[in-house]
């Protein structure tokens, strides 16, 4: 056995040592802080946010934002004023209508106004024609007695009245009073009509058959809210007064 190395073996050992030294200088040594190998197929998990967005799933962390003071105090919905277009809010008329409605929940003020307008026309025409039967069904006894006296005077003098409506405006409620279970509603009627009174010979003794006159009447109708009788009766008149 020879004590010396083969020269060729020494050359290979020197070359191997040189290659190892070169690799070490290029790659360096591991320190434990190196990044893990990159995996292009690994699922990326986004970082967890501090607070959930507005459209987050239920149970997500949501931080409520403060609302303006007026938004916190503003009601969700504002109920419309029930007597809008008929009475002013907070007025005596509105309070009176509330009393009628409390006693009769089905009270419909618009239907009432339509009925009052129809009753006004029917009463004026019936008075002109001397139709006592119609008047008796629509008037209180006191008012009927006053109308009847005028009709009787015309009949005694051989006169007849003629009234033709041109137009009738929607009546306006001017006062409402509820006392002792009875409601009284005063309405302002504005109408345009032609009205004359003729004598037995047909000659005009009052009025003008060619003139359209505007007439304003203040009439009061009465009824016990909640009663079985649906009819409102005329209990007072304040006209007519020519405009």
Protein backbone atom coordinates (compact mmCIF):
# COMPACT_ATOMS: atom_id res chain seq x y z
CA UNK A 1 0.00 0.00 0.00
CA UNK A 2 1.42 3.33 -1.08
CA UNK A 3 1.68 6.21 1.52
CA UNK A 4 1.15 8.99 -1.01
CA UNK A 5 -2.06 9.99 -2.90
CA UNK A 6 -2.37 9.64 -6.58
CA UNK A 7 -1.81 13.04 -8.22
CA UNK A 8 -5.07 12.72 -10.20
CA UNK A 9 -7.04 12.19 -6.97
CA UNK A 10 -5.53 15.30 -5.46
CA UNK A 11 -6.65 17.27 -8.49
CA UNK A 12 -10.28 16.07 -8.14
CA UNK A 13 -10.30 16.84 -4.42
CA UNK A 14 -9.05 20.35 -5.04
CA UNK A 15 -11.65 20.89 -7.75
CA UNK A 16 -14.46 19.66 -5.46
CA UNK A 17 -13.33 21.93 -2.65
CA UNK A 18 -13.29 24.90 -5.02
CA UNK A 19 -16.84 24.16 -6.29
CA UNK A 20 -18.20 23.88 -2.73
CA UNK A 21 -16.60 27.17 -1.75
CA UNK A 22 -18.08 28.88 -4.83
CA UNK A 23 -21.58 27.60 -4.16
CA UNK A 24 -21.43 28.74 -0.56
CA UNK A 25 -20.40 32.22 -1.55
CA UNK A 26 -23.21 32.51 -4.12
CA UNK A 27 -26.14 30.90 -2.20
CA UNK A 28 -25.18 31.96 1.30
CA UNK A 29 -26.15 30.26 4.52
CA UNK A 30 -29.71 29.65 5.97
CA UNK A 31 -30.60 31.97 8.84
CA UNK A 32 -34.24 30.83 9.50
CA UNK A 33 -35.76 34.06 8.08
CA UNK A 34 -35.91 32.95 4.49
CA UNK A 35 -39.28 33.17 2.63
CA UNK A 36 -40.98 29.82 1.95
CA UNK A 37 -40.87 28.53 -1.59
CA UNK A 38 -43.48 30.14 -3.90
CA UNK A 39 -46.46 27.90 -4.69
CA UNK A 40 -48.48 29.24 -7.65
CA UNK A 41 -51.44 26.94 -6.88
CA UNK A 42 -51.80 27.79 -3.24
CA UNK A 43 -55.13 29.57 -2.33
CA UNK A 44 -54.51 33.12 -1.30
CA UNK A 45 -56.26 34.18 1.94
CA UNK A 46 -56.77 37.94 2.14
CA UNK A 47 -55.92 39.66 5.39
CA UNK A 48 -58.81 40.00 7.83
CA UNK A 49 -60.24 43.57 7.84
CA UNK A 50 -60.69 45.53 11.06
CA UNK A 51 -64.38 46.19 10.27
CA UNK A 52 -66.87 44.61 7.93
CA UNK A 53 -68.15 46.48 4.84
CA UNK A 54 -71.76 47.64 4.60
CA UNK A 55 -72.81 44.55 2.63
CA UNK A 56 -71.08 42.06 4.97
CA UNK A 57 -72.64 38.74 5.85
CA UNK A 58 -74.76 38.54 9.01
CA UNK A 59 -72.61 38.18 12.08
CA UNK A 60 -69.73 40.17 10.59
CA UNK A 61 -68.09 42.81 12.69
CA UNK A 62 -69.92 46.09 11.95
CA UNK A 63 -69.13 49.42 13.48
CA UNK A 64 -72.30 51.63 13.43
CA UNK A 65 -71.82 55.16 12.18
CA UNK A 66 -73.43 57.99 14.18
CA UNK A 67 -76.58 59.59 12.63
CA UNK A 68 -77.32 63.29 12.50
CA UNK A 69 -79.51 64.52 15.34
CA UNK A 70 -82.39 65.44 13.01
CA UNK A 71 -82.35 61.93 11.49
CA UNK A 72 -82.65 60.34 14.96
CA UNK A 73 -85.54 62.58 15.94
CA UNK A 74 -87.42 62.48 12.63
CA UNK A 75 -90.42 60.04 12.71
CA UNK A 76 -90.51 57.16 10.28
CA UNK A 77 -93.71 58.45 8.65
CA UNK A 78 -95.90 61.48 9.08
CA UNK A 79 -99.62 60.78 9.12
CA UNK A 80 -101.56 63.04 6.80
CA UNK A 81 -104.03 65.50 8.39
CA UNK A 82 -107.40 63.78 8.11
CA UNK A 83 -109.39 66.96 7.38
CA UNK A 84 -106.97 68.27 4.74
CA UNK A 85 -108.78 70.56 2.27
CA UNK A 86 -111.80 70.91 4.58
CA UNK A 87 -110.48 72.49 7.78
CA UNK A 88 -107.23 73.98 9.01
CA UNK A 89 -105.17 71.86 11.37
CA UNK A 90 -105.71 72.94 14.97
CA UNK A 91 -108.85 74.95 14.13
CA UNK A 92 -112.19 74.82 15.94
CA UNK A 93 -113.75 73.28 12.82
CA UNK A 94 -111.20 70.44 12.85
CA UNK A 95 -111.82 69.86 16.56
CA UNK A 96 -115.57 69.71 15.95
CA UNK A 97 -115.13 67.23 13.09
CA UNK A 98 -112.98 65.11 15.40
CA UNK A 99 -115.86 65.02 17.89
CA UNK A 100 -118.31 63.92 15.20
CA UNK A 101 -115.90 61.23 14.02
CA UNK A 102 -115.38 59.99 17.57
CA UNK A 103 -119.12 59.43 17.94
CA UNK A 104 -119.50 58.09 14.41
CA UNK A 105 -116.27 56.48 13.11
CA UNK A 106 -117.75 56.01 9.62
CA UNK A 107 -118.32 59.76 9.20
CA UNK A 108 -117.08 60.82 5.75
CA UNK A 109 -116.76 64.60 5.55
CA UNK A 110 -116.47 64.66 1.74
CA UNK A 111 -119.65 62.64 1.38
CA UNK A 112 -121.28 64.97 3.87
CA UNK A 113 -120.32 68.01 1.77
CA UNK A 114 -121.65 66.38 -1.38
CA UNK A 115 -124.92 65.62 0.40
CA UNK A 116 -125.14 69.17 1.78
CA UNK A 117 -124.64 70.61 -1.71
CA UNK A 118 -127.42 68.39 -3.09
CA UNK A 119 -129.71 69.28 -0.16
CA UNK A 120 -129.06 73.01 -0.70
CA UNK A 121 -130.14 72.82 -4.32
CA UNK A 122 -133.17 70.65 -3.51
CA UNK A 123 -134.34 73.02 -0.75
CA UNK A 124 -133.99 76.17 -2.87
CA UNK A 125 -135.87 74.60 -5.79
CA UNK A 126 -138.57 73.13 -3.52
CA UNK A 127 -139.06 76.52 -1.83
CA UNK A 128 -139.38 78.19 -5.23
CA UNK A 129 -141.96 75.64 -6.37
CA UNK A 130 -143.85 75.59 -3.08
CA UNK A 131 -143.06 71.87 -2.61
CA UNK A 132 -143.92 71.52 1.08
CA UNK A 133 -143.46 67.73 1.16
CA UNK A 134 -139.80 67.95 0.15
CA UNK A 135 -139.17 70.86 2.50
CA UNK A 136 -140.74 69.07 5.45
CA UNK A 137 -138.34 66.13 5.03
CA UNK A 138 -135.24 68.34 4.93
CA UNK A 139 -136.01 71.16 7.40
CA UNK A 140 -136.49 71.39 11.12
CA UNK A 141 -139.99 72.40 12.20
CA UNK A 142 -138.94 75.97 12.99
CA UNK A 143 -137.29 76.53 9.62
CA UNK A 144 -140.12 74.81 7.77
CA UNK A 145 -142.67 77.07 9.44
CA UNK A 146 -140.75 80.14 8.23
CA UNK A 147 -140.55 78.85 4.65
CA UNK A 148 -144.19 77.83 4.73
CA UNK A 149 -145.28 81.36 5.68
CA UNK A 150 -143.53 82.83 2.63
CA UNK A 151 -145.02 80.19 0.34
CA UNK A 152 -148.49 80.84 1.77
CA UNK A 153 -148.09 84.60 1.17
CA UNK A 154 -147.12 84.03 -2.47
CA UNK A 155 -150.10 81.74 -2.96
CA UNK A 156 -152.43 84.33 -1.43
CA UNK A 157 -151.16 87.00 -3.83
CA UNK A 158 -151.31 84.70 -6.82
CA UNK A 159 -147.55 84.86 -7.30
CA UNK A 160 -145.10 82.17 -8.27
CA UNK A 161 -141.34 82.03 -7.97
CA UNK A 162 -138.89 80.73 -10.56
CA UNK A 163 -135.31 79.79 -9.69
CA UNK A 164 -132.73 78.36 -12.07
CA UNK A 165 -129.26 77.38 -10.89
CA UNK A 166 -126.32 78.25 -13.11
CA UNK A 167 -123.65 76.89 -10.77
CA UNK A 168 -123.08 75.86 -7.14
CA UNK A 169 -119.61 75.92 -5.62
CA UNK A 170 -118.45 73.28 -3.18
CA UNK A 171 -119.73 74.38 0.25
CA UNK A 172 -117.27 75.48 2.91
CA UNK A 173 -117.59 74.48 6.56
CA UNK A 174 -117.37 77.60 8.70
CA UNK A 175 -118.35 76.25 12.12
CA UNK A 176 -118.92 72.95 13.92
CA UNK A 177 -120.47 72.55 17.35
CA UNK A 178 -121.23 69.31 19.20
CA UNK A 179 -123.37 69.68 22.29
CA UNK A 180 -125.54 67.23 24.24
CA UNK A 181 -125.06 64.52 21.60
CA UNK A 182 -126.13 66.76 18.72
CA UNK A 183 -123.83 68.13 16.02
CA UNK A 184 -124.47 71.41 14.21
CA UNK A 185 -122.44 72.19 11.10
CA UNK A 186 -122.64 75.61 9.47
CA UNK A 187 -121.75 75.83 5.79
CA UNK A 188 -121.18 78.70 3.41
CA UNK A 189 -122.87 78.17 0.04
CA UNK A 190 -121.96 80.27 -2.97
CA UNK A 191 -124.19 79.90 -6.00
CA UNK A 192 -125.03 81.67 -9.24
CA UNK A 193 -128.69 81.66 -10.19
CA UNK A 194 -131.51 83.40 -11.98
CA UNK A 195 -134.46 84.11 -9.69
CA UNK A 196 -137.71 85.96 -10.32
CA UNK A 197 -141.21 86.22 -8.86
CA UNK A 198 -144.12 86.61 -11.26
CA UNK A 199 -147.66 87.75 -10.60
CA UNK A 200 -150.83 86.02 -11.74
CA UNK A 201 -150.47 87.62 -15.19
CA UNK A 202 -146.91 86.34 -15.57
CA UNK A 203 -145.25 89.70 -15.15
CA UNK A 204 -142.02 89.90 -13.17
CA UNK A 205 -142.64 91.64 -9.86
CA UNK A 206 -139.28 90.80 -8.26
CA UNK A 207 -135.89 89.87 -9.68
CA UNK A 208 -134.62 89.87 -13.27
CA UNK A 209 -135.12 86.98 -15.67
CA UNK A 210 -132.01 88.02 -17.65
CA UNK A 211 -129.59 88.55 -14.75
CA UNK A 212 -127.37 85.92 -13.14
CA UNK A 213 -126.98 86.77 -9.47
CA UNK A 214 -124.36 85.43 -7.07
CA UNK A 215 -125.91 84.46 -3.76
CA UNK A 216 -124.16 83.56 -0.51
CA UNK A 217 -126.04 81.57 2.11
CA UNK A 218 -124.96 80.48 5.59
CA UNK A 219 -126.97 77.41 6.52
CA UNK A 220 -126.68 75.21 9.59
CA UNK A 221 -127.46 71.49 9.45
CA UNK A 222 -128.02 69.34 12.53
CA UNK A 223 -127.95 65.64 13.34
CA UNK A 224 -127.16 63.31 16.24
CA UNK A 225 -123.96 61.43 15.27
CA UNK A 226 -124.35 57.69 15.54
CA UNK A 227 -128.15 57.77 15.27
CA UNK A 228 -130.03 55.48 12.89
CA UNK A 229 -131.45 58.45 10.99
CA UNK A 230 -128.82 59.39 8.39
CA UNK A 231 -130.49 62.68 7.43
CA UNK A 232 -129.09 66.07 8.37
CA UNK A 233 -131.79 68.70 8.72
CA UNK A 234 -131.54 72.42 8.08
CA UNK A 235 -132.02 74.17 11.44
CA UNK A 236 -130.94 77.76 10.65
CA UNK A 237 -130.39 80.05 7.69
CA UNK A 238 -128.31 83.18 7.40
CA UNK A 239 -129.29 84.57 4.05
CA UNK A 240 -129.48 84.68 1.22
CA UNK A 241 -127.28 87.71 0.84
CA UNK A 242 -126.42 89.07 -2.58
CA UNK A 243 -122.66 89.45 -3.21
